[in-house]
Every structure is written in C-alpha cells, then in structure tokens.
Amino acid sequence: MLTRYMGMTPQSQSYLFTFGLAITLLGVVLTEMWLPMVVGAILMTGLMVESWIRVAHIIPLHREMRDMKKQLADLQSKLYQHQQETE
C-alpha cells in the first residue's frame, strides 16, 4: 500500500484517510446499511493507521538512512584518499 497513492503527499493521504474514516463512522451511525459501512470503517482504519505510521516513522527513517549512507560514502572516500597519500 505504500506506493498506491503517489500523486499525493503522505501527510495529505493521512488527513484524507482520517477524514474518510470519520465520514464512514458517521455513515454507520446515521444509516441502516451498517454492515457495509462497518467493513468500510475497518478498511479506512487500516489505511489511516498505515499512513500515519508512514508519516511519523517510515519517511523520517528513510531520510536518516539516506544521510547515513552519504556520511559513510564521504568517510570511505576520505579513508581511500588517506591510504593513497600514505603509500
């Protein structure tokens, strides 16, 4: 599900899914079609939780990993240069 909605920012997706869950729960309360609405609410809850986890944890982790890889590459190039100078 992480690549399904690439046209929106992850934070916008989180807000959209939260709003969708609120509307679905309102529909459960106000209509007599409660079984399809409950199924929809369960699906929207899953999408909402996944999107908020992505915004809060996965995206910052990817940024941190990208920064660490860059630092590692810089350190490796410095080490290689230092080895070339000592030879």
N, C-alpha and C. Protein backbone atom coordinates (compact mmCIF):
# COMPACT_ATOMS: atom_id res chain seq x y z
N MET A 1 0.80 -1.20 0.00
CA MET A 1 0.00 0.00 0.00
C MET A 1 0.85 1.27 0.00
N LEU A 2 2.13 1.11 0.24
CA LEU A 2 2.98 2.29 0.36
C LEU A 2 3.18 3.01 -0.98
N THR A 3 2.95 2.35 -2.10
CA THR A 3 3.17 3.01 -3.39
C THR A 3 1.88 3.24 -4.16
N ARG A 4 0.74 3.01 -3.56
CA ARG A 4 -0.52 3.08 -4.29
C ARG A 4 -0.90 4.52 -4.65
N TYR A 5 -0.71 5.47 -3.77
CA TYR A 5 -1.18 6.84 -3.98
C TYR A 5 0.01 7.79 -4.10
N MET A 6 0.71 7.72 -5.22
CA MET A 6 1.93 8.51 -5.38
C MET A 6 1.65 9.96 -5.77
N GLY A 7 0.42 10.30 -6.15
CA GLY A 7 0.10 11.65 -6.58
C GLY A 7 -0.12 12.61 -5.42
N MET A 8 -0.16 12.11 -4.20
CA MET A 8 -0.40 12.94 -3.03
C MET A 8 0.78 12.82 -2.06
N THR A 9 0.95 13.83 -1.25
CA THR A 9 1.97 13.74 -0.21
C THR A 9 1.47 12.77 0.87
N PRO A 10 2.38 12.13 1.57
CA PRO A 10 1.95 11.20 2.62
C PRO A 10 1.11 11.87 3.70
N GLN A 11 1.43 13.11 4.03
CA GLN A 11 0.64 13.79 5.07
C GLN A 11 -0.77 14.08 4.57
N SER A 12 -0.91 14.45 3.30
CA SER A 12 -2.24 14.66 2.73
C SER A 12 -3.04 13.36 2.72
N GLN A 13 -2.37 12.25 2.42
CA GLN A 13 -3.04 10.95 2.46
C GLN A 13 -3.53 10.65 3.88
N SER A 14 -2.71 10.97 4.87
CA SER A 14 -3.11 10.72 6.25
C SER A 14 -4.36 11.50 6.61
N TYR A 15 -4.39 12.77 6.23
CA TYR A 15 -5.57 13.59 6.50
C TYR A 15 -6.79 13.07 5.74
N LEU A 16 -6.59 12.67 4.49
CA LEU A 16 -7.69 12.15 3.69
C LEU A 16 -8.27 10.88 4.30
N PHE A 17 -7.42 9.95 4.70
CA PHE A 17 -7.90 8.71 5.28
C PHE A 17 -8.56 8.94 6.63
N THR A 18 -8.05 9.87 7.42
CA THR A 18 -8.68 10.19 8.70
C THR A 18 -10.06 10.79 8.47
N PHE A 19 -10.18 11.71 7.51
CA PHE A 19 -11.46 12.30 7.16
C PHE A 19 -12.42 11.23 6.63
N GLY A 20 -11.91 10.34 5.79
CA GLY A 20 -12.73 9.25 5.26
C GLY A 20 -13.25 8.34 6.36
N LEU A 21 -12.40 8.06 7.36
CA LEU A 21 -12.84 7.23 8.47
C LEU A 21 -13.93 7.93 9.27
N ALA A 22 -13.76 9.22 9.50
CA ALA A 22 -14.78 9.98 10.24
C ALA A 22 -16.12 9.96 9.50
N ILE A 23 -16.08 10.16 8.20
CA ILE A 23 -17.32 10.13 7.41
C ILE A 23 -17.94 8.73 7.41
N THR A 24 -17.11 7.71 7.32
CA THR A 24 -17.63 6.33 7.34
C THR A 24 -18.27 6.02 8.67
N LEU A 25 -17.63 6.42 9.77
CA LEU A 25 -18.23 6.18 11.08
C LEU A 25 -19.53 6.95 11.24
N LEU A 26 -19.58 8.17 10.71
CA LEU A 26 -20.83 8.93 10.73
C LEU A 26 -21.91 8.21 9.92
N GLY A 27 -21.53 7.63 8.80
CA GLY A 27 -22.47 6.87 7.99
C GLY A 27 -22.98 5.63 8.72
N VAL A 28 -22.11 4.99 9.52
CA VAL A 28 -22.53 3.84 10.30
C VAL A 28 -23.63 4.24 11.28
N VAL A 29 -23.44 5.40 11.90
CA VAL A 29 -24.40 5.86 12.89
C VAL A 29 -25.72 6.30 12.24
N LEU A 30 -25.65 6.97 11.10
CA LEU A 30 -26.83 7.60 10.52
C LEU A 30 -27.62 6.75 9.54
N THR A 31 -27.06 5.66 9.06
CA THR A 31 -27.77 4.86 8.06
C THR A 31 -28.09 3.48 8.60
N GLU A 32 -28.94 2.78 7.88
CA GLU A 32 -29.27 1.42 8.26
C GLU A 32 -28.40 0.40 7.53
N MET A 33 -27.51 0.87 6.67
CA MET A 33 -26.60 -0.03 5.95
C MET A 33 -25.32 -0.20 6.77
N TRP A 34 -25.46 -0.69 7.97
CA TRP A 34 -24.34 -0.69 8.88
C TRP A 34 -23.28 -1.72 8.53
N LEU A 35 -23.65 -2.87 7.97
CA LEU A 35 -22.65 -3.90 7.67
C LEU A 35 -21.64 -3.44 6.61
N PRO A 36 -22.08 -2.91 5.46
CA PRO A 36 -21.07 -2.40 4.51
C PRO A 36 -20.27 -1.23 5.06
N MET A 37 -20.93 -0.43 5.89
CA MET A 37 -20.23 0.72 6.46
C MET A 37 -19.19 0.28 7.48
N VAL A 38 -19.49 -0.76 8.24
CA VAL A 38 -18.52 -1.26 9.21
C VAL A 38 -17.31 -1.85 8.48
N VAL A 39 -17.55 -2.56 7.40
CA VAL A 39 -16.44 -3.09 6.60
C VAL A 39 -15.60 -1.94 6.05
N GLY A 40 -16.27 -0.91 5.55
CA GLY A 40 -15.56 0.28 5.07
C GLY A 40 -14.78 0.96 6.18
N ALA A 41 -15.36 1.02 7.37
CA ALA A 41 -14.67 1.64 8.51
C ALA A 41 -13.42 0.85 8.88
N ILE A 42 -13.51 -0.47 8.82
CA ILE A 42 -12.33 -1.30 9.13
C ILE A 42 -11.24 -1.06 8.09
N LEU A 43 -11.61 -1.01 6.82
CA LEU A 43 -10.62 -0.74 5.77
C LEU A 43 -10.02 0.65 5.92
N MET A 44 -10.85 1.64 6.19
CA MET A 44 -10.34 3.00 6.34
C MET A 44 -9.43 3.12 7.57
N THR A 45 -9.75 2.38 8.62
CA THR A 45 -8.89 2.39 9.81
C THR A 45 -7.51 1.84 9.46
N GLY A 46 -7.48 0.76 8.70
CA GLY A 46 -6.19 0.21 8.27
C GLY A 46 -5.40 1.19 7.43
N LEU A 47 -6.06 1.82 6.47
CA LEU A 47 -5.37 2.81 5.63
C LEU A 47 -4.88 4.00 6.45
N MET A 48 -5.71 4.45 7.39
CA MET A 48 -5.34 5.60 8.21
C MET A 48 -4.13 5.28 9.09
N VAL A 49 -4.17 4.12 9.74
CA VAL A 49 -3.06 3.75 10.62
C VAL A 49 -1.77 3.59 9.82
N GLU A 50 -1.86 2.95 8.66
CA GLU A 50 -0.68 2.79 7.82
C GLU A 50 -0.11 4.13 7.38
N SER A 51 -0.98 5.06 6.99
CA SER A 51 -0.48 6.35 6.51
C SER A 51 0.15 7.16 7.63
N TRP A 52 -0.44 7.11 8.83
CA TRP A 52 0.15 7.86 9.95
C TRP A 52 1.46 7.24 10.40
N ILE A 53 1.57 5.93 10.36
CA ILE A 53 2.85 5.28 10.68
C ILE A 53 3.91 5.69 9.67
N ARG A 54 3.51 5.74 8.40
CA ARG A 54 4.45 6.15 7.34
C ARG A 54 4.94 7.57 7.58
N VAL A 55 4.01 8.48 7.91
CA VAL A 55 4.40 9.88 8.12
C VAL A 55 5.27 10.03 9.36
N ALA A 56 4.92 9.32 10.42
CA ALA A 56 5.62 9.51 11.69
C ALA A 56 6.94 8.74 11.79
N HIS A 57 7.04 7.58 11.11
CA HIS A 57 8.21 6.74 11.34
C HIS A 57 8.98 6.36 10.09
N ILE A 58 8.30 5.89 9.06
CA ILE A 58 9.00 5.33 7.91
C ILE A 58 9.71 6.40 7.10
N ILE A 59 9.05 7.50 6.80
CA ILE A 59 9.68 8.56 6.00
C ILE A 59 10.88 9.17 6.72
N PRO A 60 10.78 9.51 8.03
CA PRO A 60 11.98 10.00 8.72
C PRO A 60 13.10 8.97 8.75
N LEU A 61 12.75 7.68 8.86
CA LEU A 61 13.77 6.64 8.86
C LEU A 61 14.49 6.58 7.52
N HIS A 62 13.76 6.71 6.43
CA HIS A 62 14.38 6.70 5.10
C HIS A 62 15.31 7.90 4.94
N ARG A 63 14.91 9.06 5.44
CA ARG A 63 15.78 10.24 5.36
C ARG A 63 17.06 10.02 6.16
N GLU A 64 16.91 9.46 7.35
CA GLU A 64 18.07 9.21 8.19
C GLU A 64 19.01 8.20 7.54
N MET A 65 18.45 7.16 6.93
CA MET A 65 19.28 6.17 6.24
C MET A 65 20.01 6.80 5.05
N ARG A 66 19.33 7.67 4.32
CA ARG A 66 19.97 8.34 3.18
C ARG A 66 21.13 9.21 3.67
N ASP A 67 20.93 9.94 4.78
CA ASP A 67 22.00 10.76 5.34
C ASP A 67 23.17 9.90 5.83
N MET A 68 22.86 8.77 6.45
CA MET A 68 23.92 7.89 6.93
C MET A 68 24.72 7.29 5.78
N LYS A 69 24.04 6.93 4.69
CA LYS A 69 24.75 6.40 3.53
C LYS A 69 25.67 7.45 2.93
N LYS A 70 25.21 8.70 2.91
CA LYS A 70 26.05 9.78 2.39
C LYS A 70 27.27 9.98 3.28
N GLN A 71 27.06 9.97 4.60
CA GLN A 71 28.19 10.11 5.51
C GLN A 71 29.17 8.96 5.37
N LEU A 72 28.66 7.75 5.20
CA LEU A 72 29.52 6.59 5.02
C LEU A 72 30.34 6.69 3.74
N ALA A 73 29.70 7.14 2.67
CA ALA A 73 30.42 7.32 1.41
C ALA A 73 31.51 8.38 1.56
N ASP A 74 31.21 9.47 2.26
CA ASP A 74 32.22 10.51 2.49
C ASP A 74 33.39 9.97 3.31
N LEU A 75 33.09 9.21 4.35
CA LEU A 75 34.16 8.65 5.17
C LEU A 75 35.00 7.64 4.38
N GLN A 76 34.36 6.84 3.55
CA GLN A 76 35.11 5.89 2.74
C GLN A 76 36.01 6.60 1.74
N SER A 77 35.52 7.69 1.16
CA SER A 77 36.37 8.42 0.21
C SER A 77 37.54 9.09 0.93
N LYS A 78 37.33 9.59 2.13
CA LYS A 78 38.42 10.19 2.91
C LYS A 78 39.45 9.13 3.29
N LEU A 79 38.95 7.95 3.68
CA LEU A 79 39.86 6.87 4.02
C LEU A 79 40.68 6.43 2.81
N TYR A 80 40.04 6.34 1.66
CA TYR A 80 40.73 5.97 0.44
C TYR A 80 41.80 7.02 0.09
N GLN A 81 41.46 8.30 0.22
CA GLN A 81 42.42 9.36 -0.05
C GLN A 81 43.59 9.31 0.91
N HIS A 82 43.30 9.03 2.19
CA HIS A 82 44.35 8.95 3.18
C HIS A 82 45.29 7.77 2.88
N GLN A 83 44.73 6.65 2.45
CA GLN A 83 45.55 5.49 2.11
C GLN A 83 46.41 5.80 0.88
N GLN A 84 45.88 6.56 -0.07
CA GLN A 84 46.66 6.91 -1.25
C GLN A 84 47.82 7.84 -0.89
N GLU A 85 47.59 8.72 0.08
CA GLU A 85 48.65 9.67 0.48
C GLU A 85 49.76 8.97 1.23
N THR A 86 49.43 7.94 2.04
CA THR A 86 50.44 7.25 2.82
C THR A 86 51.26 6.27 2.00
N GLU A 87 50.82 5.90 0.83
CA GLU A 87 51.57 4.94 0.01
C GLU A 87 52.63 5.60 -0.74
